[in-house]
Amino acid sequence: MKQESADQSTPPPSLSPESSAQPSWEDSDPQALWIFGYGSLVWKPDFAYSDSRVGFVRGYSRRFWQGDTFHRGSDKMPGRVVTLLEDREGCTWGVAYQVRGDQVKEALKYLNVREAVLGGYDTKEVTFYPQDTPDQPLTALAYVATPQNPGYLGPAPEEVIATQILACRGFSGHNLEYLLRLADFMQLCGPQAQDEHLEAIVDAVGTMLPCSYLTEQALALV
């Protein structure tokens, strides 16, 4: 991937997080739509798309504050997955996928189950800056878990989040796999792609692994 040195760390003075009003994507049936993924969608979209671009959104920070009782955890032991937190100084890297024609309806139908029904996420409109062409931003749809949904876990010390991640598994695999795949993606984006929250949790996991009781499969992920 081509690396750019765009200054994404400080948003322009007029920048503010986009409205959280529910967009009528399904009602408008757009001819083409961009979908921004910042969690498991960066490595596993599982829907057909016409184009994809690595880049970032400004005005948001990624946090492991959403509980997951299906994909990466259970009802008794919810896993920790990411959501977006409105943050004027924030910048979150991810992948935007373009869906066109019939792909739009199928992608939204699939994501409604994966992100909304099973995940507790709502839709939000965001401005996405492609890595290769940050001066040509795109409007994209993002799935964001807010404090109002029943699965929201909220903030916790990184060591607590790391402990929870090490203990949880769901239908999509171990919660540790989710963390490490996301960390791998950020390394692929280059040194300009910073996520201190993610890095702190990875570091905390690294200090716990030698004394943690993990299955052989989970250990193989490290």
C-alpha atoms as a PDB file:
ATOM      1  CA  MET A   1       0.000   0.000   0.000  1.00  0.00           C
ATOM      2  CA  LYS A   2       1.164   3.484  -0.804  1.00  0.00           C
ATOM      3  CA  GLN A   3       1.984   5.508   2.292  1.00  0.00           C
ATOM      4  CA  GLU A   4       1.015   9.177   2.641  1.00  0.00           C
ATOM      5  CA  SER A   5       2.225  11.725   5.148  1.00  0.00           C
ATOM      6  CA  ALA A   6      -1.074  13.588   5.411  1.00  0.00           C
ATOM      7  CA  ASP A   7      -1.564  15.427   8.685  1.00  0.00           C
ATOM      8  CA  GLN A   8      -4.488  13.537  10.188  1.00  0.00           C
ATOM      9  CA  SER A   9      -3.626  14.177  13.821  1.00  0.00           C
ATOM     10  CA  THR A  10      -5.230  17.631  14.137  1.00  0.00           C
ATOM     11  CA  PRO A  11      -8.641  18.213  12.550  1.00  0.00           C
ATOM     12  CA  PRO A  12      -9.376  21.582  10.931  1.00  0.00           C
ATOM     13  CA  PRO A  13     -10.879  24.209  13.284  1.00  0.00           C
ATOM     14  CA  SER A  14     -14.336  23.830  11.759  1.00  0.00           C
ATOM     15  CA  LEU A  15     -14.415  20.055  12.023  1.00  0.00           C
ATOM     16  CA  SER A  16     -16.905  18.371  14.318  1.00  0.00           C
ATOM     17  CA  PRO A  17     -18.215  14.791  14.443  1.00  0.00           C
ATOM     18  CA  GLU A  18     -21.019  14.176  12.017  1.00  0.00           C
ATOM     19  CA  SER A  19     -24.626  13.996  13.082  1.00  0.00           C
ATOM     20  CA  SER A  20     -25.692  10.756  14.735  1.00  0.00           C
ATOM     21  CA  ALA A  21     -29.118  10.901  13.110  1.00  0.00           C
ATOM     22  CA  GLN A  22     -30.084   7.629  11.469  1.00  0.00           C
ATOM     23  CA  PRO A  23     -29.437   7.961   7.700  1.00  0.00           C
ATOM     24  CA  SER A  24     -32.133   6.575   5.416  1.00  0.00           C
ATOM     25  CA  TRP A  25     -29.712   4.445   3.381  1.00  0.00           C
ATOM     26  CA  GLU A  26     -32.191   1.668   2.685  1.00  0.00           C
ATOM     27  CA  ASP A  27     -35.004   4.082   1.815  1.00  0.00           C
ATOM     28  CA  SER A  28     -32.890   6.073  -0.662  1.00  0.00           C
ATOM     29  CA  ASP A  29     -31.523   2.922  -2.350  1.00  0.00           C
ATOM     30  CA  PRO A  30     -28.347   4.704  -3.523  1.00  0.00           C
ATOM     31  CA  GLN A  31     -26.655   3.645  -6.728  1.00  0.00           C
ATOM     32  CA  ALA A  32     -23.318   3.523  -4.890  1.00  0.00           C
ATOM     33  CA  LEU A  33     -22.429   3.589  -1.201  1.00  0.00           C
ATOM     34  CA  TRP A  34     -19.194   3.614   0.830  1.00  0.00           C
ATOM     35  CA  ILE A  35     -19.121   1.635   4.094  1.00  0.00           C
ATOM     36  CA  PHE A  36     -16.403   2.397   6.655  1.00  0.00           C
ATOM     37  CA  GLY A  37     -15.020  -0.502   8.668  1.00  0.00           C
ATOM     38  CA  TYR A  38     -12.751   0.058  11.668  1.00  0.00           C
ATOM     39  CA  GLY A  39     -13.091  -3.252  13.530  1.00  0.00           C
ATOM     40  CA  SER A  40     -13.443  -6.766  12.120  1.00  0.00           C
ATOM     41  CA  LEU A  41     -14.630  -5.331   8.791  1.00  0.00           C
ATOM     42  CA  VAL A  42     -11.039  -4.323   7.996  1.00  0.00           C
ATOM     43  CA  TRP A  43     -10.077  -7.978   7.510  1.00  0.00           C
ATOM     44  CA  LYS A  44     -13.423  -9.744   7.070  1.00  0.00           C
ATOM     45  CA  PRO A  45     -16.156  -7.726   5.333  1.00  0.00           C
ATOM     46  CA  ASP A  46     -18.038 -10.853   4.165  1.00  0.00           C
ATOM     47  CA  PHE A  47     -20.085  -8.941   1.581  1.00  0.00           C
ATOM     48  CA  ALA A  48     -19.500  -8.268  -2.106  1.00  0.00           C
ATOM     49  CA  TYR A  49     -17.972  -4.875  -2.949  1.00  0.00           C
ATOM     50  CA  SER A  50     -16.627  -3.055  -6.008  1.00  0.00           C
ATOM     51  CA  ASP A  51     -13.733  -1.112  -4.484  1.00  0.00           C
ATOM     52  CA  SER A  52     -11.923  -0.692  -1.168  1.00  0.00           C
ATOM     53  CA  ARG A  53      -9.588   1.968   0.193  1.00  0.00           C
ATOM     54  CA  VAL A  54      -7.508   2.255   3.349  1.00  0.00           C
ATOM     55  CA  GLY A  55      -7.821   5.602   5.105  1.00  0.00           C
ATOM     56  CA  PHE A  56      -9.129   7.395   8.161  1.00  0.00           C
ATOM     57  CA  VAL A  57     -11.960   9.439   9.649  1.00  0.00           C
ATOM     58  CA  ARG A  58     -11.358  12.497  11.807  1.00  0.00           C
ATOM     59  CA  GLY A  59     -13.281  13.537  14.900  1.00  0.00           C
ATOM     60  CA  TYR A  60     -13.482   9.999  16.319  1.00  0.00           C
ATOM     61  CA  SER A  61     -11.300   7.672  18.411  1.00  0.00           C
ATOM     62  CA  ARG A  62     -11.574   3.867  18.485  1.00  0.00           C
ATOM     63  CA  ARG A  63     -12.305   2.267  21.844  1.00  0.00           C
ATOM     64  CA  PHE A  64     -12.822  -1.309  23.086  1.00  0.00           C
ATOM     65  CA  TRP A  65     -15.951  -0.235  24.919  1.00  0.00           C
ATOM     66  CA  GLN A  66     -18.629  -2.387  23.305  1.00  0.00           C
ATOM     67  CA  GLY A  67     -19.594  -5.760  24.734  1.00  0.00           C
ATOM     68  CA  ASP A  68     -20.024  -8.740  22.414  1.00  0.00           C
ATOM     69  CA  THR A  69     -22.070 -11.769  23.450  1.00  0.00           C
ATOM     70  CA  PHE A  70     -22.088 -13.486  20.047  1.00  0.00           C
ATOM     71  CA  HIS A  71     -19.036 -13.034  17.795  1.00  0.00           C
ATOM     72  CA  ARG A  72     -16.274 -12.736  20.437  1.00  0.00           C
ATOM     73  CA  GLY A  73     -17.969 -13.606  23.714  1.00  0.00           C
ATOM     74  CA  SER A  74     -21.033 -15.119  25.350  1.00  0.00           C
ATOM     75  CA  ASP A  75     -23.898 -14.029  27.568  1.00  0.00           C
ATOM     76  CA  LYS A  76     -21.938 -15.088  30.641  1.00  0.00           C
ATOM     77  CA  MET A  77     -18.612 -13.691  29.438  1.00  0.00           C
ATOM     78  CA  PRO A  78     -19.049 -10.784  26.997  1.00  0.00           C
ATOM     79  CA  GLY A  79     -16.045 -10.026  24.834  1.00  0.00           C
ATOM     80  CA  ARG A  80     -14.694  -6.551  24.098  1.00  0.00           C
ATOM     81  CA  VAL A  81     -14.937  -5.100  20.577  1.00  0.00           C
ATOM     82  CA  VAL A  82     -14.476  -1.597  19.235  1.00  0.00           C
ATOM     83  CA  THR A  83     -16.764   1.344  18.685  1.00  0.00           C
ATOM     84  CA  LEU A  84     -16.173   4.984  17.787  1.00  0.00           C
ATOM     85  CA  LEU A  85     -16.053   7.732  20.402  1.00  0.00           C
ATOM     86  CA  GLU A  86     -16.652  11.322  19.340  1.00  0.00           C
ATOM     87  CA  ASP A  87     -13.323  13.090  19.890  1.00  0.00           C
ATOM     88  CA  ARG A  88     -12.472  16.396  18.230  1.00  0.00           C
ATOM     89  CA  GLU A  89      -8.759  15.539  18.188  1.00  0.00           C
ATOM     90  CA  GLY A  90      -9.303  11.888  17.266  1.00  0.00           C
ATOM     91  CA  CYS A  91      -8.390   9.997  14.108  1.00  0.00           C
ATOM     92  CA  THR A  92      -9.419   6.402  13.343  1.00  0.00           C
ATOM     93  CA  TRP A  93      -7.914   4.310  10.556  1.00  0.00           C
ATOM     94  CA  GLY A  94      -9.866   1.650   8.729  1.00  0.00           C
ATOM     95  CA  VAL A  95     -11.114   0.503   5.331  1.00  0.00           C
ATOM     96  CA  ALA A  96     -13.916   1.956   3.220  1.00  0.00           C
ATOM     97  CA  TYR A  97     -15.742  -0.438   0.898  1.00  0.00           C
ATOM     98  CA  GLN A  98     -17.740   0.736  -2.102  1.00  0.00           C
ATOM     99  CA  VAL A  99     -20.888  -1.209  -2.903  1.00  0.00           C
ATOM    100  CA  ARG A 100     -22.823  -0.563  -6.109  1.00  0.00           C
ATOM    101  CA  GLY A 101     -26.156  -1.591  -7.602  1.00  0.00           C
ATOM    102  CA  ASP A 102     -27.443  -4.848  -6.167  1.00  0.00           C
ATOM    103  CA  GLN A 103     -24.464  -4.982  -3.799  1.00  0.00           C
ATOM    104  CA  VAL A 104     -25.933  -2.090  -1.791  1.00  0.00           C
ATOM    105  CA  LYS A 105     -29.078  -3.910  -0.705  1.00  0.00           C
ATOM    106  CA  GLU A 106     -27.262  -7.169  -0.021  1.00  0.00           C
ATOM    107  CA  ALA A 107     -24.491  -5.498   2.007  1.00  0.00           C
ATOM    108  CA  LEU A 108     -26.929  -3.491   4.121  1.00  0.00           C
ATOM    109  CA  LYS A 109     -29.084  -6.573   4.718  1.00  0.00           C
ATOM    110  CA  TYR A 110     -26.050  -8.552   5.869  1.00  0.00           C
ATOM    111  CA  LEU A 111     -24.608  -5.760   8.020  1.00  0.00           C
ATOM    112  CA  ASN A 112     -27.976  -5.103   9.638  1.00  0.00           C
ATOM    113  CA  VAL A 113     -27.753  -8.589  11.145  1.00  0.00           C
ATOM    114  CA  ARG A 114     -24.002  -8.665  11.821  1.00  0.00           C
ATOM    115  CA  GLU A 115     -23.637  -5.156  13.243  1.00  0.00           C
ATOM    116  CA  ALA A 116     -27.090  -3.985  14.343  1.00  0.00           C
ATOM    117  CA  VAL A 117     -29.049  -7.057  15.442  1.00  0.00           C
ATOM    118  CA  LEU A 118     -26.144  -9.102  16.855  1.00  0.00           C
ATOM    119  CA  GLY A 119     -23.767  -6.248  17.671  1.00  0.00           C
ATOM    120  CA  GLY A 120     -25.986  -3.433  18.959  1.00  0.00           C
ATOM    121  CA  TYR A 121     -24.601  -0.846  16.519  1.00  0.00           C
ATOM    122  CA  ASP A 122     -26.398   2.130  14.944  1.00  0.00           C
ATOM    123  CA  THR A 123     -25.542   3.757  11.613  1.00  0.00           C
ATOM    124  CA  LYS A 124     -23.804   7.096  11.301  1.00  0.00           C
ATOM    125  CA  GLU A 125     -22.544   9.193   8.407  1.00  0.00           C
ATOM    126  CA  VAL A 126     -18.797   9.954   8.484  1.00  0.00           C
ATOM    127  CA  THR A 127     -16.252  11.671   6.260  1.00  0.00           C
ATOM    128  CA  PHE A 128     -13.580   9.246   5.099  1.00  0.00           C
ATOM    129  CA  TYR A 129     -10.131  10.359   3.879  1.00  0.00           C
ATOM    130  CA  PRO A 130      -8.463   7.790   1.585  1.00  0.00           C
ATOM    131  CA  GLN A 131      -4.795   7.161   2.364  1.00  0.00           C
ATOM    132  CA  ASP A 132      -3.708   7.751  -1.236  1.00  0.00           C
ATOM    133  CA  THR A 133      -5.937  10.785  -1.868  1.00  0.00           C
ATOM    134  CA  PRO A 134      -6.742  12.485   1.475  1.00  0.00           C
ATOM    135  CA  ASP A 135      -7.656  15.679  -0.390  1.00  0.00           C
ATOM    136  CA  GLN A 136     -10.606  13.818  -1.948  1.00  0.00           C
ATOM    137  CA  PRO A 137     -12.744  12.751   1.044  1.00  0.00           C
ATOM    138  CA  LEU A 138     -15.739  10.458   0.724  1.00  0.00           C
ATOM    139  CA  THR A 139     -19.006  10.237   2.628  1.00  0.00           C
ATOM    140  CA  ALA A 140     -19.374   6.802   4.191  1.00  0.00           C
ATOM    141  CA  LEU A 141     -21.702   4.799   6.398  1.00  0.00           C
ATOM    142  CA  ALA A 142     -20.267   3.607   9.724  1.00  0.00           C
ATOM    143  CA  TYR A 143     -21.723   1.344  12.389  1.00  0.00           C
ATOM    144  CA  VAL A 144     -21.236   2.852  15.848  1.00  0.00           C
ATOM    145  CA  ALA A 145     -22.217   1.424  19.245  1.00  0.00           C
ATOM    146  CA  THR A 146     -23.478   4.135  21.598  1.00  0.00           C
ATOM    147  CA  PRO A 147     -23.913   4.039  25.405  1.00  0.00           C
ATOM    148  CA  GLN A 148     -27.653   3.602  24.869  1.00  0.00           C
ATOM    149  CA  ASN A 149     -27.394   0.025  23.583  1.00  0.00           C
ATOM    150  CA  PRO A 150     -27.693  -2.815  26.150  1.00  0.00           C
ATOM    151  CA  GLY A 151     -24.325  -4.346  25.249  1.00  0.00           C
ATOM    152  CA  TYR A 152     -22.299  -1.209  25.929  1.00  0.00           C
ATOM    153  CA  LEU A 153     -19.582  -1.808  28.552  1.00  0.00           C
ATOM    154  CA  GLY A 154     -17.918   1.607  28.553  1.00  0.00           C
ATOM    155  CA  PRO A 155     -14.422   2.618  29.651  1.00  0.00           C
ATOM    156  CA  ALA A 156     -12.123   0.523  31.815  1.00  0.00           C
ATOM    157  CA  PRO A 157      -8.360   0.397  32.489  1.00  0.00           C
ATOM    158  CA  GLU A 158      -6.430  -1.216  29.638  1.00  0.00           C
ATOM    159  CA  GLU A 159      -5.323  -4.038  31.967  1.00  0.00           C
ATOM    160  CA  VAL A 160      -8.955  -4.857  32.760  1.00  0.00           C
ATOM    161  CA  ILE A 161      -9.907  -4.829  29.081  1.00  0.00           C
ATOM    162  CA  ALA A 162      -6.910  -7.051  28.273  1.00  0.00           C
ATOM    163  CA  THR A 163      -7.912  -9.556  30.950  1.00  0.00           C
ATOM    164  CA  GLN A 164     -11.443  -9.704  29.569  1.00  0.00           C
ATOM    165  CA  ILE A 165     -10.188 -10.171  25.999  1.00  0.00           C
ATOM    166  CA  LEU A 166      -7.939 -13.048  27.062  1.00  0.00           C
ATOM    167  CA  ALA A 167     -10.851 -14.844  28.723  1.00  0.00           C
ATOM    168  CA  CYS A 168     -13.504 -14.587  26.000  1.00  0.00           C
ATOM    169  CA  ARG A 169     -14.490 -16.517  22.906  1.00  0.00           C
ATOM    170  CA  GLY A 170     -17.533 -16.417  20.641  1.00  0.00           C
ATOM    171  CA  PHE A 171     -18.902 -17.935  17.438  1.00  0.00           C
ATOM    172  CA  SER A 172     -16.394 -16.001  15.296  1.00  0.00           C
ATOM    173  CA  GLY A 173     -13.396 -17.021  17.392  1.00  0.00           C
ATOM    174  CA  HIS A 174     -11.297 -15.920  20.343  1.00  0.00           C
ATOM    175  CA  ASN A 175     -11.453 -12.285  21.425  1.00  0.00           C
ATOM    176  CA  LEU A 176      -7.643 -12.265  21.342  1.00  0.00           C
ATOM    177  CA  GLU A 177      -7.705 -12.954  17.601  1.00  0.00           C
ATOM    178  CA  TYR A 178      -9.876  -9.866  17.104  1.00  0.00           C
ATOM    179  CA  LEU A 179      -7.383  -7.705  18.991  1.00  0.00           C
ATOM    180  CA  LEU A 180      -4.307  -9.032  17.195  1.00  0.00           C
ATOM    181  CA  ARG A 181      -5.809  -8.841  13.712  1.00  0.00           C
ATOM    182  CA  LEU A 182      -6.722  -5.214  14.331  1.00  0.00           C
ATOM    183  CA  ALA A 183      -3.201  -4.494  15.574  1.00  0.00           C
ATOM    184  CA  ASP A 184      -1.767  -6.167  12.452  1.00  0.00           C
ATOM    185  CA  PHE A 185      -3.921  -3.954  10.249  1.00  0.00           C
ATOM    186  CA  MET A 186      -2.658  -0.812  11.970  1.00  0.00           C
ATOM    187  CA  GLN A 187       0.960  -1.864  11.422  1.00  0.00           C
ATOM    188  CA  LEU A 188       0.174  -2.369   7.747  1.00  0.00           C
ATOM    189  CA  CYS A 189      -1.065   1.242   7.480  1.00  0.00           C
ATOM    190  CA  GLY A 190       2.325   2.603   8.478  1.00  0.00           C
ATOM    191  CA  PRO A 191       3.835   4.730  11.248  1.00  0.00           C
ATOM    192  CA  GLN A 192       1.391   7.592  10.717  1.00  0.00           C
ATOM    193  CA  ALA A 193      -1.510   5.370  11.814  1.00  0.00           C
ATOM    194  CA  GLN A 194      -1.503   5.776  15.581  1.00  0.00           C
ATOM    195  CA  ASP A 195      -3.937   4.228  18.073  1.00  0.00           C
ATOM    196  CA  GLU A 196      -2.646   4.603  21.625  1.00  0.00           C
ATOM    197  CA  HIS A 197      -5.659   2.831  23.155  1.00  0.00           C
ATOM    198  CA  LEU A 198      -5.176  -0.241  20.955  1.00  0.00           C
ATOM    199  CA  GLU A 199      -1.416  -0.276  21.547  1.00  0.00           C
ATOM    200  CA  ALA A 200      -1.878  -0.069  25.318  1.00  0.00           C
ATOM    201  CA  ILE A 201      -4.203  -3.075  25.318  1.00  0.00           C
ATOM    202  CA  VAL A 202      -1.811  -5.095  23.143  1.00  0.00           C
ATOM    203  CA  ASP A 203       1.026  -4.238  25.544  1.00  0.00           C
ATOM    204  CA  ALA A 204      -1.118  -5.258  28.528  1.00  0.00           C
ATOM    205  CA  VAL A 205      -1.940  -8.588  26.875  1.00  0.00           C
ATOM    206  CA  GLY A 206       1.757  -9.154  26.216  1.00  0.00           C
ATOM    207  CA  THR A 207       2.578  -8.830  29.909  1.00  0.00           C
ATOM    208  CA  MET A 208      -0.199 -11.266  30.890  1.00  0.00           C
ATOM    209  CA  LEU A 209       0.306 -14.043  28.357  1.00  0.00           C
ATOM    210  CA  PRO A 210       3.055 -15.978  30.191  1.00  0.00           C
ATOM    211  CA  CYS A 211       0.831 -16.478  33.226  1.00  0.00           C
ATOM    212  CA  SER A 212      -2.552 -16.731  31.528  1.00  0.00           C
ATOM    213  CA  TYR A 213      -4.474 -19.987  31.173  1.00  0.00           C
ATOM    214  CA  LEU A 214      -5.207 -19.934  27.440  1.00  0.00           C
ATOM    215  CA  THR A 215      -6.175 -22.722  25.121  1.00  0.00           C
ATOM    216  CA  GLU A 216      -3.537 -23.936  22.644  1.00  0.00           C
ATOM    217  CA  GLN A 217      -5.502 -22.314  19.851  1.00  0.00           C
ATOM    218  CA  ALA A 218      -5.450 -18.907  21.566  1.00  0.00           C
ATOM    219  CA  LEU A 219      -1.739 -19.164  22.278  1.00  0.00           C
ATOM    220  CA  ALA A 220      -1.109 -19.928  18.617  1.00  0.00           C
ATOM    221  CA  LEU A 221      -2.495 -16.519  17.725  1.00  0.00           C
ATOM    222  CA  VAL A 222       0.343 -14.698  19.489  1.00  0.00           C
END
